[in-house]
């Protein structure tokens, strides 16, 4: 029987996901006239997200350890054929959805670009090639992300909190150690978590945070409220991802507040750089101390 708490966490995440879907669609319909100005950059970002995650999908599809799956799920060995078929159907469907999501991230970028264009003249200096690129800020944000990821992974490990779902997934469903060790998995995982960082920043700091700032007209109280709300939502989305949800969510909430400030003060690319550094550092440190 599934853990009721885990099911409740998944319901919360699903509800937030549906709300964000409706927000992106409504913002796209609200100002679709500028979509023709943003679709090329959006498609490039969607394709980048897809390519970053593609090695992980290929890795899983070609190296599924059926025996590990049977042991994890306690399914009798005589049902191995059905398990294999179900696994591959799920993997193929996941791949298909990933292809479709290239267009989805085009809409996400468009919605984010429209919101932030109301707040500052150069919301995406790198992506839109306007203004002088704030390389110092982006580099500093990336350094913060690396430091935060490393420290967070170490502290959570000391507290006994699981820090890397990607490692758990590939340990259970990837090849055995005799076929491919962690040195093979890590490059694949690094790409996957980088793609996740890009996707989450476009959606949370890009669309949701930008929309809330625009509604608040960038006033101080509105900035604080928007930062807290986005951080809370981003933390709640991660509820199903750990065995100690409230500790993990507290960590994510605090980091989110910093990422929101990076996006507001500098640009969304700074928040993306920080998030990529955070994910990669947390993954590598988790692998080193696992």
C-alpha atoms as a PDB file:
ATOM      1  CA  UNK A   1       0.000   0.000   0.000  1.00  0.00           C
ATOM      2  CA  UNK A   2       1.277   3.451  -0.878  1.00  0.00           C
ATOM      3  CA  UNK A   3       2.229   5.786   1.935  1.00  0.00           C
ATOM      4  CA  UNK A   4      -0.721   8.220   2.413  1.00  0.00           C
ATOM      5  CA  UNK A   5       1.731  11.029   3.115  1.00  0.00           C
ATOM      6  CA  UNK A   6       3.530  10.392  -0.178  1.00  0.00           C
ATOM      7  CA  UNK A   7       0.212  10.403  -2.026  1.00  0.00           C
ATOM      8  CA  UNK A   8      -0.752  13.695  -0.361  1.00  0.00           C
ATOM      9  CA  UNK A   9       2.580  15.210  -1.371  1.00  0.00           C
ATOM     10  CA  UNK A  10       2.035  14.109  -4.966  1.00  0.00           C
ATOM     11  CA  UNK A  11      -1.446  15.654  -4.954  1.00  0.00           C
ATOM     12  CA  UNK A  12       0.019  18.986  -3.790  1.00  0.00           C
ATOM     13  CA  UNK A  13       2.703  18.897  -6.485  1.00  0.00           C
ATOM     14  CA  UNK A  14       0.162  17.933  -9.148  1.00  0.00           C
ATOM     15  CA  UNK A  15      -2.189  20.742  -8.132  1.00  0.00           C
ATOM     16  CA  UNK A  16       0.628  23.295  -8.308  1.00  0.00           C
ATOM     17  CA  UNK A  17       1.684  21.912 -11.685  1.00  0.00           C
ATOM     18  CA  UNK A  18      -1.839  22.289 -13.047  1.00  0.00           C
ATOM     19  CA  UNK A  19      -2.071  25.852 -11.705  1.00  0.00           C
ATOM     20  CA  UNK A  20       1.215  26.773 -13.380  1.00  0.00           C
ATOM     21  CA  UNK A  21       0.038  25.211 -16.628  1.00  0.00           C
ATOM     22  CA  UNK A  22      -3.101  27.350 -16.572  1.00  0.00           C
ATOM     23  CA  UNK A  23      -1.038  30.443 -15.721  1.00  0.00           C
ATOM     24  CA  UNK A  24       1.327  29.945 -18.664  1.00  0.00           C
ATOM     25  CA  UNK A  25      -1.571  29.326 -21.060  1.00  0.00           C
ATOM     26  CA  UNK A  26      -3.520  32.347 -19.810  1.00  0.00           C
ATOM     27  CA  UNK A  27      -0.501  34.646 -20.057  1.00  0.00           C
ATOM     28  CA  UNK A  28       0.221  33.370 -23.567  1.00  0.00           C
ATOM     29  CA  UNK A  29      -3.361  34.031 -24.664  1.00  0.00           C
ATOM     30  CA  UNK A  30      -3.318  37.408 -22.934  1.00  0.00           C
ATOM     31  CA  UNK A  31      -0.419  38.688 -25.032  1.00  0.00           C
ATOM     32  CA  UNK A  32      -0.052  36.331 -27.988  1.00  0.00           C
ATOM     33  CA  UNK A  33       0.879  39.191 -30.323  1.00  0.00           C
ATOM     34  CA  UNK A  34       4.485  39.095 -29.116  1.00  0.00           C
ATOM     35  CA  UNK A  35       4.762  35.333 -29.496  1.00  0.00           C
ATOM     36  CA  UNK A  36       6.254  35.722 -32.976  1.00  0.00           C
ATOM     37  CA  UNK A  37       9.088  37.748 -31.407  1.00  0.00           C
ATOM     38  CA  UNK A  38       9.825  35.115 -28.773  1.00  0.00           C
ATOM     39  CA  UNK A  39       9.129  31.739 -30.349  1.00  0.00           C
ATOM     40  CA  UNK A  40      12.606  31.197 -31.825  1.00  0.00           C
ATOM     41  CA  UNK A  41      14.396  31.763 -28.515  1.00  0.00           C
ATOM     42  CA  UNK A  42      11.741  29.708 -26.750  1.00  0.00           C
ATOM     43  CA  UNK A  43      12.197  26.787 -29.126  1.00  0.00           C
ATOM     44  CA  UNK A  44      15.980  26.949 -28.652  1.00  0.00           C
ATOM     45  CA  UNK A  45      15.545  26.803 -24.867  1.00  0.00           C
ATOM     46  CA  UNK A  46      13.031  23.963 -25.151  1.00  0.00           C
ATOM     47  CA  UNK A  47      15.388  22.060 -27.427  1.00  0.00           C
ATOM     48  CA  UNK A  48      18.291  22.707 -25.042  1.00  0.00           C
ATOM     49  CA  UNK A  49      16.251  21.318 -22.143  1.00  0.00           C
ATOM     50  CA  UNK A  50      15.361  18.260 -24.253  1.00  0.00           C
ATOM     51  CA  UNK A  51      18.966  17.603 -25.302  1.00  0.00           C
ATOM     52  CA  UNK A  52      20.234  17.927 -21.731  1.00  0.00           C
ATOM     53  CA  UNK A  53      17.783  15.266 -20.617  1.00  0.00           C
ATOM     54  CA  UNK A  54      18.135  13.034 -23.669  1.00  0.00           C
ATOM     55  CA  UNK A  55      21.240  11.108 -22.501  1.00  0.00           C
ATOM     56  CA  UNK A  56      19.441  10.187 -19.267  1.00  0.00           C
ATOM     57  CA  UNK A  57      16.434   8.898 -21.194  1.00  0.00           C
ATOM     58  CA  UNK A  58      18.620   6.844 -23.533  1.00  0.00           C
ATOM     59  CA  UNK A  59      20.633   5.577 -20.575  1.00  0.00           C
ATOM     60  CA  UNK A  60      17.534   4.296 -18.780  1.00  0.00           C
ATOM     61  CA  UNK A  61      15.896   2.851 -21.911  1.00  0.00           C
ATOM     62  CA  UNK A  62      19.001   0.853 -22.848  1.00  0.00           C
ATOM     63  CA  UNK A  63      20.194  -0.170 -19.390  1.00  0.00           C
ATOM     64  CA  UNK A  64      17.118  -1.024 -17.357  1.00  0.00           C
ATOM     65  CA  UNK A  65      18.018  -3.537 -14.650  1.00  0.00           C
ATOM     66  CA  UNK A  66      14.872  -5.687 -14.562  1.00  0.00           C
ATOM     67  CA  UNK A  67      16.101  -7.690 -11.581  1.00  0.00           C
ATOM     68  CA  UNK A  68      16.554  -4.497  -9.563  1.00  0.00           C
ATOM     69  CA  UNK A  69      13.027  -3.414 -10.480  1.00  0.00           C
ATOM     70  CA  UNK A  70      11.596  -6.762  -9.404  1.00  0.00           C
ATOM     71  CA  UNK A  71      13.436  -6.587  -6.108  1.00  0.00           C
ATOM     72  CA  UNK A  72      12.362  -2.991  -5.466  1.00  0.00           C
ATOM     73  CA  UNK A  73       8.691  -3.683  -6.239  1.00  0.00           C
ATOM     74  CA  UNK A  74       8.539  -7.239  -4.793  1.00  0.00           C
ATOM     75  CA  UNK A  75       6.982  -8.559  -8.008  1.00  0.00           C
ATOM     76  CA  UNK A  76       7.308 -12.338  -8.577  1.00  0.00           C
ATOM     77  CA  UNK A  77       9.945 -13.340 -11.125  1.00  0.00           C
ATOM     78  CA  UNK A  78       7.370 -15.058 -13.341  1.00  0.00           C
ATOM     79  CA  UNK A  79       5.866 -11.654 -14.080  1.00  0.00           C
ATOM     80  CA  UNK A  80       9.180 -10.268 -15.351  1.00  0.00           C
ATOM     81  CA  UNK A  81       7.915 -10.128 -18.951  1.00  0.00           C
ATOM     82  CA  UNK A  82       4.972  -7.915 -18.014  1.00  0.00           C
ATOM     83  CA  UNK A  83       7.255  -5.684 -15.954  1.00  0.00           C
ATOM     84  CA  UNK A  84       9.640  -5.212 -18.878  1.00  0.00           C
ATOM     85  CA  UNK A  85       6.770  -4.375 -21.234  1.00  0.00           C
ATOM     86  CA  UNK A  86       5.266  -1.882 -18.776  1.00  0.00           C
ATOM     87  CA  UNK A  87       8.653  -0.264 -18.198  1.00  0.00           C
ATOM     88  CA  UNK A  88       9.343   0.255 -21.870  1.00  0.00           C
ATOM     89  CA  UNK A  89       5.845   1.554 -22.568  1.00  0.00           C
ATOM     90  CA  UNK A  90       6.377   4.092 -19.772  1.00  0.00           C
ATOM     91  CA  UNK A  91       9.797   5.072 -21.067  1.00  0.00           C
ATOM     92  CA  UNK A  92       8.523   5.538 -24.628  1.00  0.00           C
ATOM     93  CA  UNK A  93       5.603   7.641 -23.381  1.00  0.00           C
ATOM     94  CA  UNK A  94       8.022   9.712 -21.304  1.00  0.00           C
ATOM     95  CA  UNK A  95      10.219  10.290 -24.335  1.00  0.00           C
ATOM     96  CA  UNK A  96       7.192  11.364 -26.404  1.00  0.00           C
ATOM     97  CA  UNK A  97       6.093  13.791 -23.709  1.00  0.00           C
ATOM     98  CA  UNK A  98       9.606  15.248 -23.610  1.00  0.00           C
ATOM     99  CA  UNK A  99       9.441  15.987 -27.342  1.00  0.00           C
ATOM    100  CA  UNK A 100       6.082  17.723 -26.909  1.00  0.00           C
ATOM    101  CA  UNK A 101       7.473  19.759 -23.997  1.00  0.00           C
ATOM    102  CA  UNK A 102       9.864  21.525 -26.363  1.00  0.00           C
ATOM    103  CA  UNK A 103       6.846  23.548 -27.514  1.00  0.00           C
ATOM    104  CA  UNK A 104       5.720  23.906 -23.902  1.00  0.00           C
ATOM    105  CA  UNK A 105       8.964  25.628 -22.930  1.00  0.00           C
ATOM    106  CA  UNK A 106       8.612  27.921 -25.908  1.00  0.00           C
ATOM    107  CA  UNK A 107       5.360  29.125 -24.313  1.00  0.00           C
ATOM    108  CA  UNK A 108       7.000  29.275 -20.872  1.00  0.00           C
ATOM    109  CA  UNK A 109       9.794  31.485 -22.179  1.00  0.00           C
ATOM    110  CA  UNK A 110       7.301  33.710 -24.000  1.00  0.00           C
ATOM    111  CA  UNK A 111       5.190  34.136 -20.866  1.00  0.00           C
ATOM    112  CA  UNK A 112       8.289  34.938 -18.820  1.00  0.00           C
ATOM    113  CA  UNK A 113       9.669  37.367 -21.407  1.00  0.00           C
ATOM    114  CA  UNK A 114       6.395  39.291 -21.558  1.00  0.00           C
ATOM    115  CA  UNK A 115       6.164  39.625 -17.764  1.00  0.00           C
ATOM    116  CA  UNK A 116       9.758  40.731 -17.253  1.00  0.00           C
ATOM    117  CA  UNK A 117       9.694  43.145 -20.202  1.00  0.00           C
ATOM    118  CA  UNK A 118       7.189  45.160 -18.178  1.00  0.00           C
ATOM    119  CA  UNK A 119       9.668  45.380 -15.304  1.00  0.00           C
ATOM    120  CA  UNK A 120      13.035  46.150 -16.933  1.00  0.00           C
ATOM    121  CA  UNK A 121      14.388  47.048 -20.387  1.00  0.00           C
ATOM    122  CA  UNK A 122      16.750  44.060 -20.618  1.00  0.00           C
ATOM    123  CA  UNK A 123      15.224  41.128 -18.704  1.00  0.00           C
ATOM    124  CA  UNK A 124      17.251  38.522 -20.623  1.00  0.00           C
ATOM    125  CA  UNK A 125      20.469  40.222 -21.764  1.00  0.00           C
ATOM    126  CA  UNK A 126      22.073  36.977 -22.964  1.00  0.00           C
ATOM    127  CA  UNK A 127      19.033  35.336 -24.538  1.00  0.00           C
ATOM    128  CA  UNK A 128      17.758  38.515 -26.159  1.00  0.00           C
ATOM    129  CA  UNK A 129      21.236  39.890 -26.942  1.00  0.00           C
ATOM    130  CA  UNK A 130      20.363  43.304 -25.596  1.00  0.00           C
ATOM    131  CA  UNK A 131      22.449  45.443 -23.322  1.00  0.00           C
ATOM    132  CA  UNK A 132      25.738  44.531 -21.751  1.00  0.00           C
ATOM    133  CA  UNK A 133      25.852  40.992 -20.390  1.00  0.00           C
ATOM    134  CA  UNK A 134      26.339  41.034 -16.588  1.00  0.00           C
ATOM    135  CA  UNK A 135      29.016  38.354 -16.598  1.00  0.00           C
ATOM    136  CA  UNK A 136      30.303  39.250 -13.142  1.00  0.00           C
ATOM    137  CA  UNK A 137      26.830  38.839 -11.667  1.00  0.00           C
ATOM    138  CA  UNK A 138      26.220  35.572 -13.517  1.00  0.00           C
ATOM    139  CA  UNK A 139      29.596  34.208 -12.417  1.00  0.00           C
ATOM    140  CA  UNK A 140      28.978  35.269  -8.833  1.00  0.00           C
ATOM    141  CA  UNK A 141      25.543  33.651  -8.883  1.00  0.00           C
ATOM    142  CA  UNK A 142      27.028  30.423 -10.243  1.00  0.00           C
ATOM    143  CA  UNK A 143      29.652  30.456  -7.478  1.00  0.00           C
ATOM    144  CA  UNK A 144      26.926  30.938  -4.882  1.00  0.00           C
ATOM    145  CA  UNK A 145      25.013  28.000  -6.353  1.00  0.00           C
ATOM    146  CA  UNK A 146      28.053  25.715  -6.188  1.00  0.00           C
ATOM    147  CA  UNK A 147      28.750  26.710  -2.584  1.00  0.00           C
ATOM    148  CA  UNK A 148      25.101  26.348  -1.563  1.00  0.00           C
ATOM    149  CA  UNK A 149      24.800  22.973  -3.282  1.00  0.00           C
ATOM    150  CA  UNK A 150      27.925  21.583  -1.665  1.00  0.00           C
ATOM    151  CA  UNK A 151      27.092  22.860   1.817  1.00  0.00           C
ATOM    152  CA  UNK A 152      23.453  21.740   1.551  1.00  0.00           C
ATOM    153  CA  UNK A 153      24.401  18.230   0.439  1.00  0.00           C
ATOM    154  CA  UNK A 154      26.881  17.855   3.294  1.00  0.00           C
ATOM    155  CA  UNK A 155      24.516  19.221   5.954  1.00  0.00           C
ATOM    156  CA  UNK A 156      21.566  17.131   4.774  1.00  0.00           C
ATOM    157  CA  UNK A 157      23.788  14.057   4.736  1.00  0.00           C
ATOM    158  CA  UNK A 158      24.750  14.711   8.360  1.00  0.00           C
ATOM    159  CA  UNK A 159      21.044  15.040   9.199  1.00  0.00           C
ATOM    160  CA  UNK A 160      20.303  11.752   7.454  1.00  0.00           C
ATOM    161  CA  UNK A 161      18.209  13.357   4.726  1.00  0.00           C
ATOM    162  CA  UNK A 162      18.270  11.919   1.219  1.00  0.00           C
ATOM    163  CA  UNK A 163      19.825  14.584  -1.039  1.00  0.00           C
ATOM    164  CA  UNK A 164      19.778  13.167  -4.561  1.00  0.00           C
ATOM    165  CA  UNK A 165      16.751  11.509  -6.110  1.00  0.00           C
ATOM    166  CA  UNK A 166      18.606  11.144  -9.391  1.00  0.00           C
ATOM    167  CA  UNK A 167      21.200   8.913  -7.767  1.00  0.00           C
ATOM    168  CA  UNK A 168      18.492   6.748  -6.205  1.00  0.00           C
ATOM    169  CA  UNK A 169      16.690   6.363  -9.519  1.00  0.00           C
ATOM    170  CA  UNK A 170      19.767   5.313 -11.431  1.00  0.00           C
ATOM    171  CA  UNK A 171      20.881   2.977  -8.656  1.00  0.00           C
ATOM    172  CA  UNK A 172      17.546   1.161  -8.751  1.00  0.00           C
ATOM    173  CA  UNK A 173      16.759   1.189 -12.462  1.00  0.00           C
ATOM    174  CA  UNK A 174      20.144   1.668 -14.102  1.00  0.00           C
ATOM    175  CA  UNK A 175      22.713  -0.972 -14.894  1.00  0.00           C
ATOM    176  CA  UNK A 176      24.485  -2.896 -12.157  1.00  0.00           C
ATOM    177  CA  UNK A 177      27.893  -1.738 -10.953  1.00  0.00           C
ATOM    178  CA  UNK A 178      29.519  -4.432 -13.133  1.00  0.00           C
ATOM    179  CA  UNK A 179      28.069  -2.859 -16.292  1.00  0.00           C
ATOM    180  CA  UNK A 180      28.390   0.831 -15.565  1.00  0.00           C
ATOM    181  CA  UNK A 181      29.692   2.491 -12.464  1.00  0.00           C
ATOM    182  CA  UNK A 182      29.006   5.943 -11.120  1.00  0.00           C
ATOM    183  CA  UNK A 183      31.714   7.412 -13.365  1.00  0.00           C
ATOM    184  CA  UNK A 184      29.431   6.570 -16.334  1.00  0.00           C
ATOM    185  CA  UNK A 185      26.243   7.752 -14.681  1.00  0.00           C
ATOM    186  CA  UNK A 186      27.506  11.066 -13.339  1.00  0.00           C
ATOM    187  CA  UNK A 187      27.969  12.857 -16.703  1.00  0.00           C
ATOM    188  CA  UNK A 188      24.452  11.786 -17.674  1.00  0.00           C
ATOM    189  CA  UNK A 189      23.065  12.993 -14.368  1.00  0.00           C
ATOM    190  CA  UNK A 190      24.950  16.296 -14.541  1.00  0.00           C
ATOM    191  CA  UNK A 191      23.274  17.055 -17.873  1.00  0.00           C
ATOM    192  CA  UNK A 192      19.867  16.005 -16.524  1.00  0.00           C
ATOM    193  CA  UNK A 193      20.013  18.186 -13.404  1.00  0.00           C
ATOM    194  CA  UNK A 194      21.256  21.127 -15.495  1.00  0.00           C
ATOM    195  CA  UNK A 195      18.220  20.764 -17.746  1.00  0.00           C
ATOM    196  CA  UNK A 196      15.981  20.612 -14.680  1.00  0.00           C
ATOM    197  CA  UNK A 197      17.512  23.840 -13.380  1.00  0.00           C
ATOM    198  CA  UNK A 198      16.877  25.610 -16.694  1.00  0.00           C
ATOM    199  CA  UNK A 199      13.268  24.414 -16.820  1.00  0.00           C
ATOM    200  CA  UNK A 200      12.462  25.330 -13.214  1.00  0.00           C
ATOM    201  CA  UNK A 201      13.977  28.802 -13.436  1.00  0.00           C
ATOM    202  CA  UNK A 202      12.035  29.644 -16.590  1.00  0.00           C
ATOM    203  CA  UNK A 203       8.820  28.524 -14.935  1.00  0.00           C
ATOM    204  CA  UNK A 204       9.193  29.675 -11.321  1.00  0.00           C
ATOM    205  CA  UNK A 205      11.507  32.703 -11.406  1.00  0.00           C
ATOM    206  CA  UNK A 206      10.601  33.513 -15.004  1.00  0.00           C
ATOM    207  CA  UNK A 207       6.841  33.156 -15.269  1.00  0.00           C
ATOM    208  CA  UNK A 208       5.506  33.023 -11.709  1.00  0.00           C
ATOM    209  CA  UNK A 209       7.877  35.488 -10.053  1.00  0.00           C
ATOM    210  CA  UNK A 210       7.776  37.883 -13.004  1.00  0.00           C
ATOM    211  CA  UNK A 211       3.974  37.792 -13.055  1.00  0.00           C
ATOM    212  CA  UNK A 212       3.698  38.464  -9.307  1.00  0.00           C
ATOM    213  CA  UNK A 213       6.200  41.328  -9.520  1.00  0.00           C
ATOM    214  CA  UNK A 214       4.261  42.870 -12.385  1.00  0.00           C
ATOM    215  CA  UNK A 215       1.013  42.605 -10.424  1.00  0.00           C
ATOM    216  CA  UNK A 216       2.652  44.266  -7.418  1.00  0.00           C
ATOM    217  CA  UNK A 217       4.124  46.998  -9.646  1.00  0.00           C
ATOM    218  CA  UNK A 218       7.530  46.211  -8.155  1.00  0.00           C
ATOM    219  CA  UNK A 219       6.714  47.804  -4.818  1.00  0.00           C
ATOM    220  CA  UNK A 220       8.685  46.753  -1.742  1.00  0.00           C
ATOM    221  CA  UNK A 221       5.832  44.909  -0.027  1.00  0.00           C
ATOM    222  CA  UNK A 222       4.927  43.255  -3.316  1.00  0.00           C
ATOM    223  CA  UNK A 223       8.523  42.151  -3.901  1.00  0.00           C
ATOM    224  CA  UNK A 224       8.673  40.544  -0.465  1.00  0.00           C
ATOM    225  CA  UNK A 225       5.309  38.827  -0.906  1.00  0.00           C
ATOM    226  CA  UNK A 226       6.187  37.604  -4.400  1.00  0.00           C
ATOM    227  CA  UNK A 227       9.520  36.229  -3.179  1.00  0.00           C
ATOM    228  CA  UNK A 228       7.879  34.375  -0.292  1.00  0.00           C
ATOM    229  CA  UNK A 229       5.059  32.972  -2.432  1.00  0.00           C
ATOM    230  CA  UNK A 230       7.360  31.740  -5.201  1.00  0.00           C
ATOM    231  CA  UNK A 231       9.738  30.213  -2.673  1.00  0.00           C
ATOM    232  CA  UNK A 232       6.871  28.480  -0.891  1.00  0.00           C
ATOM    233  CA  UNK A 233       5.433  27.084  -4.113  1.00  0.00           C
ATOM    234  CA  UNK A 234       8.847  25.908  -5.323  1.00  0.00           C
ATOM    235  CA  UNK A 235       9.460  24.197  -1.977  1.00  0.00           C
ATOM    236  CA  UNK A 236       6.075  22.456  -2.002  1.00  0.00           C
ATOM    237  CA  UNK A 237       6.730  21.073  -5.467  1.00  0.00           C
ATOM    238  CA  UNK A 238       9.720  19.215  -4.004  1.00  0.00           C
ATOM    239  CA  UNK A 239       7.691  17.517  -1.265  1.00  0.00           C
ATOM    240  CA  UNK A 240       7.633  14.076  -2.980  1.00  0.00           C
ATOM    241  CA  UNK A 241      11.379  14.155  -3.659  1.00  0.00           C
ATOM    242  CA  UNK A 242      12.789  13.347  -0.249  1.00  0.00           C
ATOM    243  CA  UNK A 243      12.315  11.211   2.852  1.00  0.00           C
ATOM    244  CA  UNK A 244      12.411  14.295   5.109  1.00  0.00           C
ATOM    245  CA  UNK A 245      10.163  16.735   3.214  1.00  0.00           C
ATOM    246  CA  UNK A 246       9.993  19.598   5.678  1.00  0.00           C
ATOM    247  CA  UNK A 247      13.756  19.805   6.234  1.00  0.00           C
ATOM    248  CA  UNK A 248      14.364  19.625   2.496  1.00  0.00           C
ATOM    249  CA  UNK A 249      11.638  22.170   1.786  1.00  0.00           C
ATOM    250  CA  UNK A 250      13.107  24.555   4.329  1.00  0.00           C
ATOM    251  CA  UNK A 251      16.434  24.385   2.509  1.00  0.00           C
ATOM    252  CA  UNK A 252      14.778  24.906  -0.865  1.00  0.00           C
ATOM    253  CA  UNK A 253      12.703  27.820   0.453  1.00  0.00           C
ATOM    254  CA  UNK A 254      15.796  29.709   1.664  1.00  0.00           C
ATOM    255  CA  UNK A 255      17.732  29.083  -1.548  1.00  0.00           C
ATOM    256  CA  UNK A 256      14.738  30.187  -3.602  1.00  0.00           C
ATOM    257  CA  UNK A 257      14.650  33.547  -1.857  1.00  0.00           C
ATOM    258  CA  UNK A 258      18.241  34.162  -2.958  1.00  0.00           C
ATOM    259  CA  UNK A 259      17.497  33.029  -6.527  1.00  0.00           C
ATOM    260  CA  UNK A 260      14.533  35.407  -6.685  1.00  0.00           C
ATOM    261  CA  UNK A 261      16.793  38.263  -5.646  1.00  0.00           C
ATOM    262  CA  UNK A 262      19.339  37.294  -8.313  1.00  0.00           C
ATOM    263  CA  UNK A 263      16.607  37.358 -10.958  1.00  0.00           C
ATOM    264  CA  UNK A 264      15.222  40.692  -9.749  1.00  0.00           C
ATOM    265  CA  UNK A 265      18.511  42.532  -9.266  1.00  0.00           C
ATOM    266  CA  UNK A 266      20.478  41.126 -12.183  1.00  0.00           C
ATOM    267  CA  UNK A 267      18.696  38.865 -14.678  1.00  0.00           C
ATOM    268  CA  UNK A 268      17.079  35.482 -15.018  1.00  0.00           C
ATOM    269  CA  UNK A 269      20.305  34.083 -16.467  1.00  0.00           C
ATOM    270  CA  UNK A 270      21.965  34.706 -13.080  1.00  0.00           C
ATOM    271  CA  UNK A 271      19.273  32.660 -11.338  1.00  0.00           C
ATOM    272  CA  UNK A 272      19.700  29.899 -13.935  1.00  0.00           C
ATOM    273  CA  UNK A 273      23.489  29.872 -13.420  1.00  0.00           C
ATOM    274  CA  UNK A 274      23.038  29.671  -9.651  1.00  0.00           C
ATOM    275  CA  UNK A 275      20.509  26.852  -9.962  1.00  0.00           C
ATOM    276  CA  UNK A 276      22.738  24.855 -12.341  1.00  0.00           C
ATOM    277  CA  UNK A 277      25.678  25.277  -9.956  1.00  0.00           C
ATOM    278  CA  UNK A 278      23.478  24.251  -7.042  1.00  0.00           C
ATOM    279  CA  UNK A 279      22.204  21.075  -8.717  1.00  0.00           C
ATOM    280  CA  UNK A 280      25.565  19.970 -10.092  1.00  0.00           C
ATOM    281  CA  UNK A 281      27.431  20.581  -6.827  1.00  0.00           C
ATOM    282  CA  UNK A 282      24.739  18.807  -4.772  1.00  0.00           C
ATOM    283  CA  UNK A 283      24.828  15.851  -7.150  1.00  0.00           C
ATOM    284  CA  UNK A 284      28.622  15.516  -7.105  1.00  0.00           C
ATOM    285  CA  UNK A 285      28.912  15.916  -3.337  1.00  0.00           C
ATOM    286  CA  UNK A 286      26.064  13.441  -2.794  1.00  0.00           C
ATOM    287  CA  UNK A 287      27.833  10.934  -5.017  1.00  0.00           C
ATOM    288  CA  UNK A 288      31.130  11.475  -3.197  1.00  0.00           C
ATOM    289  CA  UNK A 289      29.716  10.967   0.305  1.00  0.00           C
ATOM    290  CA  UNK A 290      27.060   8.357  -0.549  1.00  0.00           C
END
